[in-house]
Amino acid sequence: MSIQIVQKVKRTNKVIKTVGIANTRREEELLILLANNQIDQLKGFSSLFIEHDDLIVESFVEGLSNEHLQNIGAELILGKIYQKIGFPEGGSRDYFKSLVLCRLVYPGSKLKTVEYFKKHLNLDLSVYSIYRFLDQLDQTLKPSIEQITFDYAKSLLNGHVGIVFYDMTTLYFEASEPDDYRIPGFNKDGKHQHPQIMIGLLVSNNGFPLGYQIFEGNTSETKTLIPVLESFQKKFDIDSPIVVADAALLSQSNIDALQHHGYQYILGGRVKNESEAVKQEILGLQIEEGKPREVKSKNGRLIVSYSSGRAKKDAVNREKGLKRLEAKVKGGKLNKDHINNRGYNKYLKLEGEAKVSIDYQKYGADLVWDGLKGYLTNTQLDKEEVIGHYSQLWQIEKAFRISKTDLRIRPVYHRLRNRIEAHICLCFAAYTVYKELERLLKVNRIKLSPEKAINEIRDIKQLKYTLPKSKEARTKILKPSQEQEWLLNMKI
């Protein structure tokens, strides 16, 4: 006897499920009990009155699990951008693409990377497999990635890289002893006690990264500019570009080296560090807002502009600095060793042999410099062009900010040099993909920031299922949100 669960649909009995075949009275009773139990599992007796098609859907949904869902957005959208740029795929670098995309959607430790491989690629990968992969990346990887990035940036600039922006930052290491590579030094994040390395970065005037170089942790900023520029020119065989850098790199040795090697430059000019004659000439110009003026400096043209907004900010900062000094003087925390030209310590003076006080006359005299900004250059560009190029330095500041926040390039947990270099190379490639995503959003007129776009991309899911009769495997992207649909239809 066959025991079945049936449903009456339009005067026709349709078999929902065959529970089994009974050969004895005892087997029949057991199968009936089992059938009743399964009926209860179909949401009680009321489920018997659901249409047959609905029951098929119910049965299909009950069979789904997390293994049938895959986060597909990163590979589908960011992966296309990665391919468009021309970064390597396949061969011994199978994981490189996925590690770069992971840095965009799941920035953090390599344990986060394991989560990416599971959710986006349905791969159970151990963190040690990733470490072994990093160990296998050869020394040709960095030059290859830099060349691809440079060529792509150059194509966006109509084949000519005429302006480059340079800056550097520090990357510190967590829970790691220093060595010949990772050395404690001045850290821009205030982590002076941590071992660190330094990275010099070049970007183009549209913010695209061009190249980078790693330095030991105690390297002076002013000693990095020329090595990076020489390496850049040698690798890419280009004419000397105009170099734009901020005042932190404005050492006399750097300026001399730039001139010696035939570089044109636009540097942040420290007007108060000029000779007394030049300073008096600047003050005599009575510079107005929007009307920059120019004087001759020993290192080239010194262009000076005035901004009322900058003047207010300068005044506020000076007042804050003065109050901090007053508190330290009052607390007896300063001695004659603190009298120097570092920051607001220049307002200190020595009374008698030991008493430190504040020179309020010198403090008041600095008022005339509020709002003035200098730009040192040996180019023939007009004043507005020089100021305009220098104002684009925010592009490289943004590059470091994004690398440190959105891409979590630091702190670094690796100890081995080759893994450290592989980690930085991955972040460099990820930032290139980020910048191209940012550009494509503008080109396609999609009003999303790259950060919001990546959040949407991260949540695009695909369903994998098998047709019940043909057993054919199928995939289907789940219905996207409006923002996800924009991104899926974005022209790349």
Protein backbone atom coordinates (compact mmCIF):
# COMPACT_ATOMS: atom_id res chain seq x y z
CA MET A 1 0.00 0.00 0.00
CA SER A 2 1.36 3.46 -0.96
CA ILE A 3 0.93 6.21 1.63
CA GLN A 4 0.76 9.66 -0.02
CA ILE A 5 -0.02 13.27 0.93
CA VAL A 6 -2.50 14.65 -1.61
CA GLN A 7 -4.20 17.95 -2.28
CA LYS A 8 -7.49 18.47 -4.07
CA VAL A 9 -7.10 21.16 -6.73
CA LYS A 10 -10.07 21.90 -8.98
CA ARG A 11 -11.70 18.50 -8.35
CA THR A 12 -8.43 16.72 -9.04
CA ASN A 13 -6.27 15.03 -6.44
CA LYS A 14 -2.60 16.02 -6.82
CA VAL A 15 0.10 14.11 -5.02
CA ILE A 16 2.20 16.42 -2.87
CA LYS A 17 4.52 13.75 -1.55
CA THR A 18 4.81 9.96 -1.42
CA VAL A 19 5.69 9.02 2.16
CA GLY A 20 6.38 5.33 1.48
CA ILE A 21 4.98 1.85 0.67
CA ALA A 22 3.56 -0.37 3.45
CA ASN A 23 3.64 -4.18 3.20
CA THR A 24 2.12 -4.85 6.61
CA ARG A 25 -0.54 -3.36 8.86
CA ARG A 26 2.17 -2.16 11.26
CA GLU A 27 4.12 -0.41 8.44
CA GLU A 28 0.92 1.23 7.28
CA GLU A 29 0.25 2.68 10.76
CA LEU A 30 3.83 3.98 11.01
CA LEU A 31 3.73 5.63 7.58
CA ILE A 32 0.39 7.29 8.41
CA LEU A 33 1.92 8.71 11.59
CA LEU A 34 4.90 9.95 9.56
CA ALA A 35 2.62 11.49 6.95
CA ASN A 36 0.63 13.34 9.63
CA ASN A 37 3.89 14.65 11.08
CA GLN A 38 5.02 15.94 7.68
CA ILE A 39 1.64 17.58 7.14
CA ASP A 40 2.19 19.46 10.42
CA GLN A 41 5.60 20.61 9.13
CA LEU A 42 3.90 22.11 6.05
CA LYS A 43 2.68 24.96 8.29
CA GLY A 44 -0.16 22.95 9.77
CA PHE A 45 -3.27 21.60 8.15
CA SER A 46 -3.97 24.96 6.44
CA SER A 47 -1.08 24.38 4.04
CA LEU A 48 -3.10 21.60 2.40
CA PHE A 49 -5.35 24.28 0.95
CA ILE A 50 -2.46 26.26 -0.65
CA GLU A 51 -2.35 26.15 -4.42
CA HIS A 52 0.03 23.58 -5.88
CA ASP A 53 2.31 26.25 -7.44
CA ASP A 54 2.60 27.97 -4.06
CA LEU A 55 3.69 24.70 -2.47
CA ILE A 56 6.40 24.34 -5.10
CA VAL A 57 7.67 27.82 -4.22
CA GLU A 58 7.48 27.02 -0.51
CA SER A 59 9.44 23.84 -1.06
CA PHE A 60 12.04 25.71 -3.13
CA VAL A 61 12.54 28.41 -0.50
CA GLU A 62 12.88 25.85 2.29
CA GLY A 63 15.72 24.25 0.37
CA LEU A 64 17.77 27.45 0.18
CA SER A 65 20.79 28.07 2.39
CA ASN A 66 23.59 30.64 2.61
CA GLU A 67 25.63 28.48 0.24
CA HIS A 68 23.17 29.32 -2.53
CA LEU A 69 23.79 33.08 -2.13
CA GLN A 70 26.97 34.76 -3.33
CA ASN A 71 28.08 38.39 -3.06
CA ILE A 72 28.82 39.09 -6.70
CA GLY A 73 29.07 42.90 -6.89
CA ALA A 74 32.81 43.26 -6.28
CA GLU A 75 33.84 40.78 -8.96
CA LEU A 76 31.12 41.99 -11.35
CA ILE A 77 31.76 45.76 -11.17
CA LEU A 78 35.12 46.40 -9.50
CA GLY A 79 36.52 43.36 -11.31
CA LYS A 80 35.65 44.94 -14.67
CA ILE A 81 37.44 48.14 -13.65
CA TYR A 82 40.44 46.07 -12.56
CA GLN A 83 40.48 44.36 -15.97
CA LYS A 84 40.06 47.66 -17.82
CA ILE A 85 43.13 49.12 -16.12
CA GLY A 86 45.05 46.03 -17.21
CA PHE A 87 46.17 44.55 -13.91
CA PRO A 88 47.36 40.89 -13.98
CA GLU A 89 45.02 37.92 -13.90
CA GLY A 90 45.56 34.17 -13.86
CA GLY A 91 48.75 32.16 -13.62
CA SER A 92 50.67 32.32 -10.37
CA ARG A 93 48.79 35.49 -9.47
CA ASP A 94 45.33 33.96 -9.24
CA TYR A 95 44.67 35.58 -5.87
CA PHE A 96 46.08 39.03 -6.68
CA LYS A 97 42.87 40.34 -8.25
CA SER A 98 40.71 39.04 -5.41
CA LEU A 99 43.07 40.48 -2.79
CA VAL A 100 42.92 43.88 -4.49
CA LEU A 101 39.10 43.82 -4.64
CA CYS A 102 38.95 42.61 -1.05
CA ARG A 103 41.02 45.63 0.00
CA LEU A 104 38.19 47.78 -1.42
CA VAL A 105 35.15 46.00 0.04
CA TYR A 106 36.58 44.39 3.20
CA PRO A 107 39.64 46.47 4.17
CA GLY A 108 41.48 45.23 7.20
CA SER A 109 43.48 42.24 8.29
CA LYS A 110 44.08 39.11 6.25
CA LEU A 111 41.40 37.43 8.40
CA LYS A 112 38.93 39.82 6.72
CA THR A 113 40.28 38.52 3.44
CA VAL A 114 39.28 34.98 4.37
CA GLU A 115 35.74 36.28 4.88
CA TYR A 116 35.83 37.88 1.41
CA PHE A 117 36.88 34.64 -0.28
CA LYS A 118 34.00 32.83 1.46
CA LYS A 119 31.25 35.37 0.79
CA HIS A 120 32.26 36.52 -2.69
CA LEU A 121 33.99 33.50 -4.23
CA ASN A 122 32.55 30.59 -2.20
CA LEU A 123 36.11 29.51 -1.42
CA ASP A 124 37.18 28.16 1.96
CA LEU A 125 40.67 29.58 2.20
CA SER A 126 42.90 29.71 5.26
CA VAL A 127 44.85 32.82 6.20
CA TYR A 128 48.03 30.76 5.79
CA SER A 129 47.18 30.17 2.13
CA ILE A 130 47.07 33.94 1.67
CA TYR A 131 50.40 34.35 3.44
CA ARG A 132 51.94 31.67 1.22
CA PHE A 133 50.60 33.48 -1.83
CA LEU A 134 52.14 36.76 -0.65
CA ASP A 135 55.45 34.95 -0.20
CA GLN A 136 55.31 33.76 -3.81
CA LEU A 137 54.86 37.23 -5.31
CA ASP A 138 58.14 37.97 -7.05
CA GLN A 139 60.15 41.17 -7.27
CA THR A 140 58.74 41.99 -10.72
CA LEU A 141 55.27 42.61 -9.29
CA LYS A 142 55.79 46.20 -8.07
CA PRO A 143 57.43 47.42 -11.33
CA SER A 144 54.71 45.68 -13.33
CA ILE A 145 51.85 47.22 -11.30
CA GLU A 146 53.50 50.65 -11.43
CA GLN A 147 53.97 50.44 -15.21
CA ILE A 148 50.35 49.42 -15.78
CA THR A 149 49.12 52.20 -13.48
CA PHE A 150 51.37 54.80 -15.11
CA ASP A 151 50.29 53.79 -18.64
CA TYR A 152 46.63 54.00 -17.66
CA ALA A 153 47.03 57.38 -15.96
CA LYS A 154 48.94 58.62 -19.01
CA SER A 155 46.11 57.50 -21.32
CA LEU A 156 43.67 59.60 -19.27
CA LEU A 157 45.99 62.59 -19.69
CA ASN A 158 46.05 62.29 -23.49
CA GLY A 159 49.49 60.72 -23.42
CA HIS A 160 51.35 63.44 -21.51
CA VAL A 161 52.32 63.55 -17.82
CA GLY A 162 53.56 67.11 -17.37
CA ILE A 163 52.81 67.73 -13.69
CA VAL A 164 53.48 65.38 -10.78
CA PHE A 165 52.61 65.85 -7.11
CA TYR A 166 54.81 64.40 -4.40
CA ASP A 167 54.34 63.77 -0.69
CA MET A 168 55.17 61.10 1.81
CA THR A 169 53.67 59.47 4.87
CA THR A 170 54.54 56.97 7.58
CA LEU A 171 53.14 53.47 8.12
CA TYR A 172 53.51 52.00 11.58
CA PHE A 173 53.53 48.36 12.70
CA GLU A 174 51.56 46.80 15.54
CA ALA A 175 53.24 44.52 18.11
CA SER A 176 56.47 44.22 16.22
CA GLU A 177 60.11 44.64 17.10
CA PRO A 178 62.14 47.05 14.95
CA ASP A 179 64.70 45.81 12.43
CA ASP A 180 66.86 47.29 9.66
CA TYR A 181 63.75 48.04 7.61
CA ARG A 182 61.13 48.96 10.20
CA ILE A 183 62.70 51.66 12.36
CA PRO A 184 61.07 54.02 14.89
CA GLY A 185 61.06 57.64 13.74
CA PHE A 186 58.88 60.71 13.51
CA ASN A 187 55.38 59.39 12.86
CA LYS A 188 52.62 61.56 11.36
CA ASP A 189 49.99 59.52 13.21
CA GLY A 190 51.63 60.15 16.60
CA LYS A 191 52.84 56.51 16.90
CA HIS A 192 56.46 57.47 17.60
CA GLN A 193 57.14 54.38 19.72
CA HIS A 194 56.14 52.00 16.92
CA PRO A 195 58.51 50.66 14.24
CA GLN A 196 57.60 52.19 10.91
CA ILE A 197 58.44 52.59 7.25
CA MET A 198 57.97 55.64 5.04
CA ILE A 199 56.28 55.82 1.66
CA GLY A 200 56.85 58.47 -0.98
CA LEU A 201 53.97 58.76 -3.46
CA LEU A 202 53.64 60.46 -6.84
CA VAL A 203 50.24 61.30 -8.34
CA SER A 204 49.19 63.07 -11.52
CA ASN A 205 47.17 66.29 -11.67
CA ASN A 206 43.95 64.26 -11.91
CA GLY A 207 44.82 62.44 -8.70
CA PHE A 208 45.77 59.13 -10.30
CA PRO A 209 48.71 57.36 -8.63
CA LEU A 210 51.86 57.13 -10.73
CA GLY A 211 54.43 55.40 -8.53
CA TYR A 212 55.71 54.96 -5.01
CA GLN A 213 58.85 54.10 -3.11
CA ILE A 214 59.42 52.64 0.35
CA PHE A 215 62.06 54.04 2.73
CA GLU A 216 63.43 52.98 6.11
CA GLY A 217 61.47 54.36 9.05
CA ASN A 218 64.00 56.96 10.16
CA THR A 219 64.55 58.53 6.73
CA SER A 220 64.16 62.32 6.65
CA GLU A 221 61.32 63.56 4.44
CA THR A 222 63.64 65.96 2.68
CA LYS A 223 65.89 63.09 1.54
CA THR A 224 63.19 61.20 -0.34
CA LEU A 225 62.14 63.58 -3.13
CA ILE A 226 65.10 63.24 -5.51
CA PRO A 227 65.41 59.41 -5.25
CA VAL A 228 61.71 59.03 -6.07
CA LEU A 229 61.88 61.41 -9.03
CA GLU A 230 65.01 59.78 -10.44
CA SER A 231 63.49 56.32 -10.07
CA PHE A 232 60.26 57.56 -11.68
CA GLN A 233 62.05 59.02 -14.72
CA LYS A 234 64.27 55.99 -15.17
CA LYS A 235 61.38 53.50 -15.00
CA PHE A 236 59.05 55.34 -17.34
CA ASP A 237 61.56 57.05 -19.62
CA ILE A 238 59.86 60.45 -19.62
CA ASP A 239 60.99 64.05 -19.77
CA SER A 240 61.45 65.93 -16.51
CA PRO A 241 57.97 66.82 -15.20
CA ILE A 242 57.08 69.90 -13.17
CA VAL A 243 57.26 68.79 -9.52
CA VAL A 244 54.72 70.10 -7.01
CA ALA A 245 55.40 69.55 -3.31
CA ASP A 246 54.53 71.23 -0.02
CA ALA A 247 56.74 73.29 2.27
CA ALA A 248 57.76 70.28 4.38
CA LEU A 249 60.09 69.24 1.54
CA LEU A 250 61.47 72.75 1.09
CA SER A 251 65.08 72.20 2.19
CA GLN A 252 67.89 74.05 0.48
CA SER A 253 69.54 70.76 -0.44
CA ASN A 254 66.33 69.62 -2.16
CA ILE A 255 66.04 72.86 -4.11
CA ASP A 256 69.70 72.65 -5.12
CA ALA A 257 69.22 69.02 -6.23
CA LEU A 258 66.09 69.88 -8.23
CA GLN A 259 67.95 72.63 -10.01
CA HIS A 260 71.03 70.44 -10.55
CA HIS A 261 68.95 67.69 -12.18
CA GLY A 262 67.07 70.16 -14.37
CA TYR A 263 63.65 69.79 -12.71
CA GLN A 264 61.08 72.54 -12.77
CA TYR A 265 59.24 72.89 -9.50
CA ILE A 266 56.41 74.55 -7.61
CA LEU A 267 57.00 74.37 -3.87
CA GLY A 268 55.29 75.80 -0.84
CA GLY A 269 57.26 78.98 -0.04
CA ARG A 270 57.93 79.95 3.56
CA VAL A 271 57.84 83.73 3.22
CA LYS A 272 58.94 84.38 6.81
CA ASN A 273 62.11 82.34 6.21
CA GLU A 274 63.29 84.59 3.40
CA SER A 275 66.03 87.17 3.81
CA GLU A 276 65.19 90.42 5.58
CA ALA A 277 65.38 92.33 2.29
CA VAL A 278 62.90 89.99 0.58
CA LYS A 279 60.53 90.09 3.55
CA GLN A 280 60.49 93.89 3.54
CA GLU A 281 59.82 93.87 -0.20
CA ILE A 282 56.84 91.51 0.31
CA LEU A 283 55.35 93.68 3.06
CA GLY A 284 55.80 96.76 0.88
CA LEU A 285 53.66 95.24 -1.89
CA GLN A 286 50.46 95.51 0.19
CA ILE A 287 49.02 92.41 -1.54
CA GLU A 288 45.25 92.35 -2.06
CA GLU A 289 42.98 89.33 -2.18
CA GLY A 290 42.79 87.81 -5.66
CA LYS A 291 45.80 89.83 -6.86
CA PRO A 292 48.98 87.80 -6.22
CA ARG A 293 52.33 89.55 -6.52
CA GLU A 294 55.83 88.33 -7.25
CA VAL A 295 59.32 88.98 -5.86
CA LYS A 296 62.73 87.55 -6.69
CA SER A 297 64.13 84.93 -4.33
CA LYS A 298 67.55 83.27 -4.42
CA ASN A 299 65.76 80.03 -5.39
CA GLY A 300 63.54 81.45 -8.12
CA ARG A 301 60.28 83.34 -8.35
CA LEU A 302 58.43 83.78 -5.07
CA ILE A 303 54.73 84.35 -5.74
CA VAL A 304 52.74 85.64 -2.77
CA SER A 305 48.95 85.68 -2.42
CA TYR A 306 46.60 86.95 0.29
CA SER A 307 43.40 85.37 1.59
CA SER A 308 41.14 86.90 4.24
CA GLY A 309 39.95 83.44 5.21
CA ARG A 310 43.52 82.29 5.67
CA ALA A 311 44.22 85.45 7.70
CA LYS A 312 41.45 84.57 10.18
CA LYS A 313 42.72 81.01 10.46
CA ASP A 314 46.32 82.18 10.99
CA ALA A 315 45.20 84.59 13.74
CA VAL A 316 43.21 81.86 15.52
CA ASN A 317 46.10 79.40 15.35
CA ARG A 318 48.58 81.99 16.66
CA GLU A 319 46.29 82.77 19.59
CA LYS A 320 45.91 79.08 20.43
CA GLY A 321 49.68 78.65 20.27
CA LEU A 322 50.18 81.63 22.54
CA LYS A 323 47.75 80.29 25.16
CA ARG A 324 49.54 76.93 25.22
CA LEU A 325 52.86 78.71 25.71
CA GLU A 326 51.44 80.88 28.50
CA ALA A 327 50.18 77.80 30.31
CA LYS A 328 53.59 76.11 30.05
CA VAL A 329 55.46 79.24 31.19
CA LYS A 330 53.10 79.64 34.13
CA GLY A 331 53.55 76.00 35.10
CA GLY A 332 57.33 76.28 34.96
CA LYS A 333 57.57 73.55 32.32
CA LEU A 334 59.93 75.45 30.01
CA ASN A 335 63.65 76.15 30.23
CA LYS A 336 66.21 77.82 28.00
CA ASP A 337 66.50 74.68 25.87
CA HIS A 338 62.96 75.35 24.62
CA ILE A 339 63.94 78.70 23.09
CA ASN A 340 64.17 77.89 19.36
CA ASN A 341 62.33 78.48 16.09
CA ARG A 342 60.19 75.36 16.27
CA GLY A 343 56.58 76.36 15.92
CA TYR A 344 55.38 78.90 18.45
CA ASN A 345 58.50 78.50 20.59
CA LYS A 346 59.87 81.39 18.53
CA TYR A 347 57.87 83.70 20.83
CA LEU A 348 59.91 82.65 23.86
CA LYS A 349 62.78 84.70 25.30
CA LEU A 350 65.20 84.37 28.21
CA GLU A 351 65.10 86.86 31.05
CA GLY A 352 68.28 86.86 33.07
CA GLU A 353 70.07 83.53 33.20
CA ALA A 354 67.21 81.11 33.73
CA LYS A 355 63.75 82.67 33.50
CA VAL A 356 61.79 81.92 30.31
CA SER A 357 59.09 84.37 29.27
CA ILE A 358 57.03 85.29 26.22
CA ASP A 359 58.11 88.02 23.82
CA TYR A 360 54.72 89.65 23.17
CA GLN A 361 56.31 92.22 20.87
CA LYS A 362 57.48 89.43 18.53
CA TYR A 363 54.02 87.85 18.79
CA GLY A 364 52.35 91.10 17.74
CA ALA A 365 54.80 91.66 14.91
CA ASP A 366 53.73 88.41 13.27
CA LEU A 367 50.26 89.87 12.64
CA VAL A 368 51.45 91.38 9.33
CA TRP A 369 52.00 87.88 7.90
CA ASP A 370 48.48 86.60 8.56
CA GLY A 371 46.80 85.53 5.32
CA LEU A 372 49.96 85.55 3.19
CA LYS A 373 50.99 82.39 1.33
CA GLY A 374 54.13 81.88 -0.74
CA TYR A 375 54.79 79.69 -3.79
CA LEU A 376 58.37 79.14 -4.93
CA THR A 377 58.92 78.22 -8.59
CA ASN A 378 61.50 78.22 -11.35
CA THR A 379 58.86 77.74 -14.09
CA GLN A 380 57.70 80.34 -16.61
CA LEU A 381 54.05 79.75 -15.75
CA ASP A 382 52.03 82.82 -14.85
CA LYS A 383 51.18 83.49 -11.20
CA GLU A 384 47.63 82.13 -11.37
CA GLU A 385 48.78 78.89 -13.02
CA VAL A 386 51.42 78.35 -10.32
CA ILE A 387 48.86 78.87 -7.54
CA GLY A 388 46.34 76.70 -9.37
CA HIS A 389 48.77 73.79 -9.70
CA TYR A 390 49.85 74.04 -6.07
CA SER A 391 46.22 74.07 -4.94
CA GLN A 392 45.87 70.56 -6.43
CA LEU A 393 48.12 69.14 -3.71
CA TRP A 394 44.91 68.10 -1.96
CA GLN A 395 44.80 65.25 -4.49
CA ILE A 396 47.80 63.56 -2.88
CA GLU A 397 46.59 64.39 0.62
CA LYS A 398 43.32 62.69 -0.34
CA ALA A 399 45.26 59.69 -1.65
CA PHE A 400 46.91 59.19 1.73
CA ARG A 401 43.64 59.79 3.59
CA ILE A 402 41.77 57.21 1.52
CA SER A 403 44.63 54.73 1.80
CA LYS A 404 44.71 55.06 5.57
CA THR A 405 40.94 55.08 6.17
CA ASP A 406 38.95 53.43 3.35
CA LEU A 407 41.68 50.95 2.36
CA ARG A 408 43.14 50.52 5.88
CA ILE A 409 46.73 50.40 4.65
CA ARG A 410 47.87 50.88 8.24
CA PRO A 411 48.61 49.71 10.83
CA VAL A 412 50.60 46.91 9.20
CA TYR A 413 50.72 43.53 10.93
CA HIS A 414 53.28 41.81 8.69
CA ARG A 415 56.87 41.27 9.81
CA LEU A 416 58.56 39.85 6.71
CA ARG A 417 59.81 42.42 4.22
CA ASN A 418 58.42 40.68 1.13
CA ARG A 419 54.95 40.49 2.72
CA ILE A 420 55.11 44.17 3.71
CA GLU A 421 56.00 45.13 0.14
CA ALA A 422 53.25 42.87 -1.27
CA HIS A 423 50.73 44.45 1.12
CA ILE A 424 51.65 47.97 -0.01
CA CYS A 425 51.55 46.92 -3.68
CA LEU A 426 48.03 45.53 -3.19
CA CYS A 427 46.92 48.79 -1.59
CA PHE A 428 48.49 50.81 -4.42
CA ALA A 429 46.56 48.76 -7.01
CA ALA A 430 43.37 49.04 -4.93
CA TYR A 431 43.69 52.82 -4.80
CA THR A 432 44.05 52.89 -8.59
CA VAL A 433 40.78 50.93 -8.94
CA TYR A 434 39.19 53.31 -6.41
CA LYS A 435 40.24 56.36 -8.44
CA GLU A 436 38.92 54.86 -11.67
CA LEU A 437 35.61 54.05 -9.95
CA GLU A 438 35.45 57.68 -8.81
CA ARG A 439 36.07 58.88 -12.39
CA LEU A 440 33.49 56.49 -13.88
CA LEU A 441 30.83 57.63 -11.41
CA LYS A 442 31.31 61.20 -12.68
CA VAL A 443 31.40 60.16 -16.34
CA ASN A 444 28.16 58.16 -15.92
CA ARG A 445 26.60 60.96 -13.86
CA ILE A 446 25.89 58.66 -10.95
CA LYS A 447 25.47 60.81 -7.85
CA LEU A 448 27.23 58.49 -5.43
CA SER A 449 30.56 58.90 -3.69
CA PRO A 450 33.03 56.02 -4.21
CA GLU A 451 32.49 55.03 -0.58
CA LYS A 452 28.70 54.79 -0.98
CA ALA A 453 29.08 53.03 -4.33
CA ILE A 454 31.34 50.39 -2.76
CA ASN A 455 28.79 49.86 0.03
CA GLU A 456 26.12 49.19 -2.59
CA ILE A 457 28.45 46.98 -4.64
CA ARG A 458 29.28 44.92 -1.55
CA ASP A 459 25.60 43.97 -1.12
CA ILE A 460 24.78 42.87 -4.68
CA LYS A 461 23.91 39.16 -4.39
CA GLN A 462 23.47 36.29 -6.80
CA LEU A 463 21.30 33.20 -6.27
CA LYS A 464 22.53 29.80 -7.46
CA TYR A 465 19.79 27.20 -7.95
CA THR A 466 18.98 23.99 -9.83
CA LEU A 467 15.83 23.48 -11.89
CA PRO A 468 13.82 20.60 -10.36
CA LYS A 469 13.07 18.68 -13.56
CA SER A 470 16.03 19.33 -15.88
CA LYS A 471 18.51 19.58 -12.97
CA GLU A 472 20.12 22.45 -14.89
CA ALA A 473 22.18 24.82 -12.71
CA ARG A 474 21.21 28.48 -12.98
CA THR A 475 22.27 31.81 -11.45
CA LYS A 476 20.23 34.98 -11.01
CA ILE A 477 21.19 38.37 -9.56
CA LEU A 478 18.68 39.27 -6.87
CA LYS A 479 16.56 42.32 -7.64
CA PRO A 480 18.91 45.28 -7.15
CA SER A 481 18.12 48.56 -5.44
CA GLN A 482 17.92 51.69 -7.59
CA GLU A 483 21.53 52.59 -6.74
CA GLN A 484 22.74 49.06 -7.46
CA GLU A 485 20.96 49.11 -10.80
CA TRP A 486 22.81 52.33 -11.73
CA LEU A 487 26.10 50.67 -10.89
CA LEU A 488 25.29 47.46 -12.75
CA ASN A 489 24.40 49.48 -15.86
CA MET A 490 27.41 51.80 -15.53
CA LYS A 491 29.44 52.09 -18.71
CA ILE A 492 32.97 50.89 -17.90
